[in-house]
C-alpha atoms as a PDB file:
ATOM      1  CA  MET A   1      83.398 108.257  86.646  1.00  0.00           C
ATOM      2  CA  ASN A   2      80.167 106.127  86.459  1.00  0.00           C
ATOM      3  CA  ALA A   3      80.578 105.949  90.116  1.00  0.00           C
ATOM      4  CA  LEU A   4      80.652 109.552  90.527  1.00  0.00           C
ATOM      5  CA  ILE A   5      77.536 110.333  88.377  1.00  0.00           C
ATOM      6  CA  ASP A   6      75.868 107.144  90.033  1.00  0.00           C
ATOM      7  CA  ASN A   7      76.372 108.747  93.413  1.00  0.00           C
ATOM      8  CA  MET A   8      75.387 112.181  92.277  1.00  0.00           C
ATOM      9  CA  LEU A   9      72.095 111.170  90.873  1.00  0.00           C
ATOM     10  CA  ARG A  10      71.217 109.248  94.181  1.00  0.00           C
ATOM     11  CA  SER A  11      72.395 112.540  96.347  1.00  0.00           C
ATOM     12  CA  ARG A  12      69.857 113.865  98.471  1.00  0.00           C
ATOM     13  CA  PHE A  13      71.396 116.932  97.646  1.00  0.00           C
ATOM     14  CA  PHE A  14      71.004 116.760  93.813  1.00  0.00           C
ATOM     15  CA  TYR A  15      67.509 115.797  94.273  1.00  0.00           C
ATOM     16  CA  LEU A  16      66.736 118.703  96.114  1.00  0.00           C
ATOM     17  CA  LEU A  17      68.722 120.949  93.914  1.00  0.00           C
ATOM     18  CA  ALA A  18      66.901 119.540  90.788  1.00  0.00           C
ATOM     19  CA  THR A  19      63.327 119.876  92.251  1.00  0.00           C
ATOM     20  CA  ALA A  20      63.968 123.483  93.675  1.00  0.00           C
ATOM     21  CA  LEU A  21      65.038 124.547  90.106  1.00  0.00           C
ATOM     22  CA  LEU A  22      62.067 122.591  88.423  1.00  0.00           C
ATOM     23  CA  THR A  23      59.807 124.402  90.740  1.00  0.00           C
ATOM     24  CA  TYR A  24      61.397 127.759  90.967  1.00  0.00           C
ATOM     25  CA  ILE A  25      58.974 129.555  88.678  1.00  0.00           C
ATOM     26  CA  PHE A  26      56.293 128.457  91.084  1.00  0.00           C
ATOM     27  CA  TRP A  27      57.623 129.098  94.544  1.00  0.00           C
ATOM     28  CA  TRP A  28      59.046 132.590  93.455  1.00  0.00           C
ATOM     29  CA  SER A  29      56.134 133.718  92.096  1.00  0.00           C
ATOM     30  CA  GLY A  30      54.223 132.772  95.267  1.00  0.00           C
ATOM     31  CA  LEU A  31      56.770 134.843  97.536  1.00  0.00           C
ATOM     32  CA  ASN A  32      56.160 137.511  95.170  1.00  0.00           C
ATOM     33  CA  LYS A  33      52.585 137.482  95.273  1.00  0.00           C
ATOM     34  CA  VAL A  34      52.937 137.119  99.457  1.00  0.00           C
ATOM     35  CA  VAL A  35      55.154 140.176  99.497  1.00  0.00           C
ATOM     36  CA  ASP A  36      53.420 141.997  97.040  1.00  0.00           C
ATOM     37  CA  PHE A  37      49.830 140.922  97.610  1.00  0.00           C
ATOM     38  CA  GLN A  38      48.315 144.186  95.810  1.00  0.00           C
ATOM     39  CA  ALA A  39      49.815 143.182  92.691  1.00  0.00           C
ATOM     40  CA  ALA A  40      48.657 139.598  93.087  1.00  0.00           C
ATOM     41  CA  ILE A  41      45.139 140.967  93.412  1.00  0.00           C
ATOM     42  CA  GLY A  42      45.748 142.963  90.340  1.00  0.00           C
ATOM     43  CA  GLU A  43      47.044 139.972  88.277  1.00  0.00           C
ATOM     44  CA  MET A  44      43.548 138.147  89.356  1.00  0.00           C
ATOM     45  CA  GLU A  45      41.847 141.116  88.137  1.00  0.00           C
ATOM     46  CA  HIS A  46      43.763 141.247  84.604  1.00  0.00           C
ATOM     47  CA  PHE A  47      42.791 138.056  84.029  1.00  0.00           C
ATOM     48  CA  GLY A  48      39.295 138.434  85.048  1.00  0.00           C
ATOM     49  CA  LEU A  49      39.097 135.864  87.991  1.00  0.00           C
ATOM     50  CA  GLN A  50      36.567 136.423  90.629  1.00  0.00           C
ATOM     51  CA  PRO A  51      36.465 136.646  93.434  1.00  0.00           C
ATOM     52  CA  VAL A  52      39.853 137.995  93.119  1.00  0.00           C
ATOM     53  CA  THR A  53      41.031 137.732  96.761  1.00  0.00           C
ATOM     54  CA  LEU A  54      40.248 133.910  96.662  1.00  0.00           C
ATOM     55  CA  PHE A  55      41.948 133.300  93.705  1.00  0.00           C
ATOM     56  CA  ALA A  56      45.022 135.349  94.822  1.00  0.00           C
ATOM     57  CA  ILE A  57      45.282 133.133  97.949  1.00  0.00           C
ATOM     58  CA  VAL A  58      44.728 129.642  96.288  1.00  0.00           C
ATOM     59  CA  THR A  59      47.145 130.643  93.935  1.00  0.00           C
ATOM     60  CA  ILE A  60      49.560 131.874  96.433  1.00  0.00           C
ATOM     61  CA  ALA A  61      49.074 128.453  98.030  1.00  0.00           C
ATOM     62  CA  VAL A  62      49.411 126.009  95.452  1.00  0.00           C
ATOM     63  CA  GLN A  63      52.580 128.059  94.470  1.00  0.00           C
ATOM     64  CA  LEU A  64      54.385 127.381  97.973  1.00  0.00           C
ATOM     65  CA  VAL A  65      52.634 124.209  99.012  1.00  0.00           C
ATOM     66  CA  ALA A  66      52.881 122.123  95.946  1.00  0.00           C
ATOM     67  CA  PRO A  67      56.669 122.835  95.409  1.00  0.00           C
ATOM     68  CA  LEU A  68      57.303 121.788  99.208  1.00  0.00           C
ATOM     69  CA  ALA A  69      55.807 118.770  98.683  1.00  0.00           C
ATOM     70  CA  ILE A  70      58.057 117.854  95.783  1.00  0.00           C
ATOM     71  CA  ILE A  71      61.477 119.095  97.139  1.00  0.00           C
ATOM     72  CA  THR A  72      60.762 117.725 100.324  1.00  0.00           C
ATOM     73  CA  CYS A  73      60.292 114.123  98.616  1.00  0.00           C
ATOM     74  CA  SER A  74      57.332 113.743 100.809  1.00  0.00           C
ATOM     75  CA  ARG A  75      54.548 111.030 100.401  1.00  0.00           C
ATOM     76  CA  TRP A  76      52.573 113.838  98.768  1.00  0.00           C
ATOM     77  CA  ALA A  77      55.041 114.770  96.042  1.00  0.00           C
ATOM     78  CA  TRP A  78      52.682 113.077  93.532  1.00  0.00           C
ATOM     79  CA  LEU A  79      50.213 115.473  94.331  1.00  0.00           C
ATOM     80  CA  GLY A  80      52.193 118.485  94.616  1.00  0.00           C
ATOM     81  CA  ALA A  81      53.310 117.652  91.202  1.00  0.00           C
ATOM     82  CA  ALA A  82      49.668 117.024  89.645  1.00  0.00           C
ATOM     83  CA  ALA A  83      48.422 120.095  91.548  1.00  0.00           C
ATOM     84  CA  LEU A  84      51.415 122.134  89.690  1.00  0.00           C
ATOM     85  CA  ALA A  85      50.740 120.558  86.405  1.00  0.00           C
ATOM     86  CA  GLY A  86      47.183 121.175  86.706  1.00  0.00           C
ATOM     87  CA  PHE A  87      47.520 124.916  87.585  1.00  0.00           C
ATOM     88  CA  THR A  88      50.094 125.344  84.525  1.00  0.00           C
ATOM     89  CA  LEU A  89      47.790 123.807  82.056  1.00  0.00           C
ATOM     90  CA  ALA A  90      44.938 125.956  83.375  1.00  0.00           C
ATOM     91  CA  THR A  91      47.113 129.373  82.791  1.00  0.00           C
ATOM     92  CA  ILE A  92      47.015 128.566  79.198  1.00  0.00           C
ATOM     93  CA  PRO A  93      43.433 129.363  78.344  1.00  0.00           C
ATOM     94  CA  ILE A  94      43.125 132.188  81.123  1.00  0.00           C
ATOM     95  CA  ALA A  95      46.418 133.958  80.451  1.00  0.00           C
ATOM     96  CA  HIS A  96      48.033 132.782  76.926  1.00  0.00           C
ATOM     97  CA  ARG A  97      45.500 132.893  74.491  1.00  0.00           C
ATOM     98  CA  PHE A  98      47.871 132.729  71.638  1.00  0.00           C
ATOM     99  CA  TRP A  99      45.136 131.599  69.283  1.00  0.00           C
ATOM    100  CA  GLU A 100      43.796 134.911  69.725  1.00  0.00           C
ATOM    101  CA  MET A 101      46.925 136.972  68.849  1.00  0.00           C
ATOM    102  CA  ASN A 102      48.476 137.968  65.614  1.00  0.00           C
ATOM    103  CA  GLY A 103      52.594 138.427  65.000  1.00  0.00           C
ATOM    104  CA  MET A 104      55.315 138.534  67.344  1.00  0.00           C
ATOM    105  CA  GLU A 105      52.785 138.607  70.505  1.00  0.00           C
ATOM    106  CA  GLY A 106      51.109 135.380  69.075  1.00  0.00           C
ATOM    107  CA  PHE A 107      54.548 133.669  68.532  1.00  0.00           C
ATOM    108  CA  LEU A 108      55.641 134.440  71.960  1.00  0.00           C
ATOM    109  CA  GLU A 109      52.938 133.363  73.942  1.00  0.00           C
ATOM    110  CA  LYS A 110      52.611 129.946  71.873  1.00  0.00           C
ATOM    111  CA  ALA A 111      56.427 129.449  72.864  1.00  0.00           C
ATOM    112  CA  LEU A 112      55.220 130.158  76.432  1.00  0.00           C
ATOM    113  CA  VAL A 113      53.004 127.586  76.143  1.00  0.00           C
ATOM    114  CA  GLN A 114      55.185 124.841  74.665  1.00  0.00           C
ATOM    115  CA  ASP A 115      57.396 126.131  77.566  1.00  0.00           C
ATOM    116  CA  HIS A 116      54.308 125.003  79.961  1.00  0.00           C
ATOM    117  CA  ILE A 117      53.836 122.008  78.201  1.00  0.00           C
ATOM    118  CA  SER A 118      57.764 120.844  78.939  1.00  0.00           C
ATOM    119  CA  VAL A 119      57.228 121.904  82.495  1.00  0.00           C
ATOM    120  CA  ILE A 120      54.275 119.598  82.801  1.00  0.00           C
ATOM    121  CA  GLY A 121      56.466 116.880  81.773  1.00  0.00           C
ATOM    122  CA  GLY A 122      59.232 117.578  83.798  1.00  0.00           C
ATOM    123  CA  LEU A 123      56.548 117.737  86.902  1.00  0.00           C
ATOM    124  CA  ALA A 124      55.679 114.168  85.996  1.00  0.00           C
ATOM    125  CA  VAL A 125      59.192 113.109  85.841  1.00  0.00           C
ATOM    126  CA  ALA A 126      59.233 114.704  89.405  1.00  0.00           C
ATOM    127  CA  ALA A 127      56.736 112.634  90.423  1.00  0.00           C
ATOM    128  CA  ILE A 128      58.031 109.499  89.249  1.00  0.00           C
ATOM    129  CA  LEU A 129      61.409 110.121  90.890  1.00  0.00           C
ATOM    130  CA  ALA A 130      59.947 111.160  93.990  1.00  0.00           C
ATOM    131  CA  HIS A 131      57.755 107.871  94.399  1.00  0.00           C
ATOM    132  CA  GLN A 132      60.903 105.836  93.122  1.00  0.00           C
ATOM    133  CA  ARG A 133      63.198 107.249  95.723  1.00  0.00           C
ATOM    134  CA  ARG A 134      60.804 107.198  98.514  1.00  0.00           C
ATOM    135  CA  GLN A 135      60.439 103.351  97.873  1.00  0.00           C
ATOM    136  CA  SER A 136      64.484 102.906  97.776  1.00  0.00           C
ATOM    137  CA  LEU A 137      64.569 104.483 101.340  1.00  0.00           C
ATOM    138  CA  THR A 138      61.733 102.365 102.702  1.00  0.00           C
ATOM    139  CA  LYS A 139      63.397  99.352 101.313  1.00  0.00           C
ATOM    140  CA  ASN A 140      66.874 100.005 103.333  1.00  0.00           C
END
């Protein structure tokens, strides 16, 4: 049983699956913004980000390129993880201002912020694992 688990945890497929799942919220959002760019513009307007087109394009780029760096275990995986962590952290004061809300709305936004913090931790772990994986591949 230990060999089975060891093989699974070392497999490229499992790494790809795990990092695709971890980064799903980003690349799916980025793809949706590409498909419906007007909605992306509307989202930037809703949060008061100016210039809206630039913010939409940068958001799409971060949401699509950074996960790719992590999933492919490139030497830039750490940068992809850092970009997504910074992006996620920046959304808190922009889009999830739970401290200004009351009742259930504030409760739900605070829960979302807590989820964001966990995602940031997961991205840090992904950067560590990508680094270790690359090191082990270069040794073999």
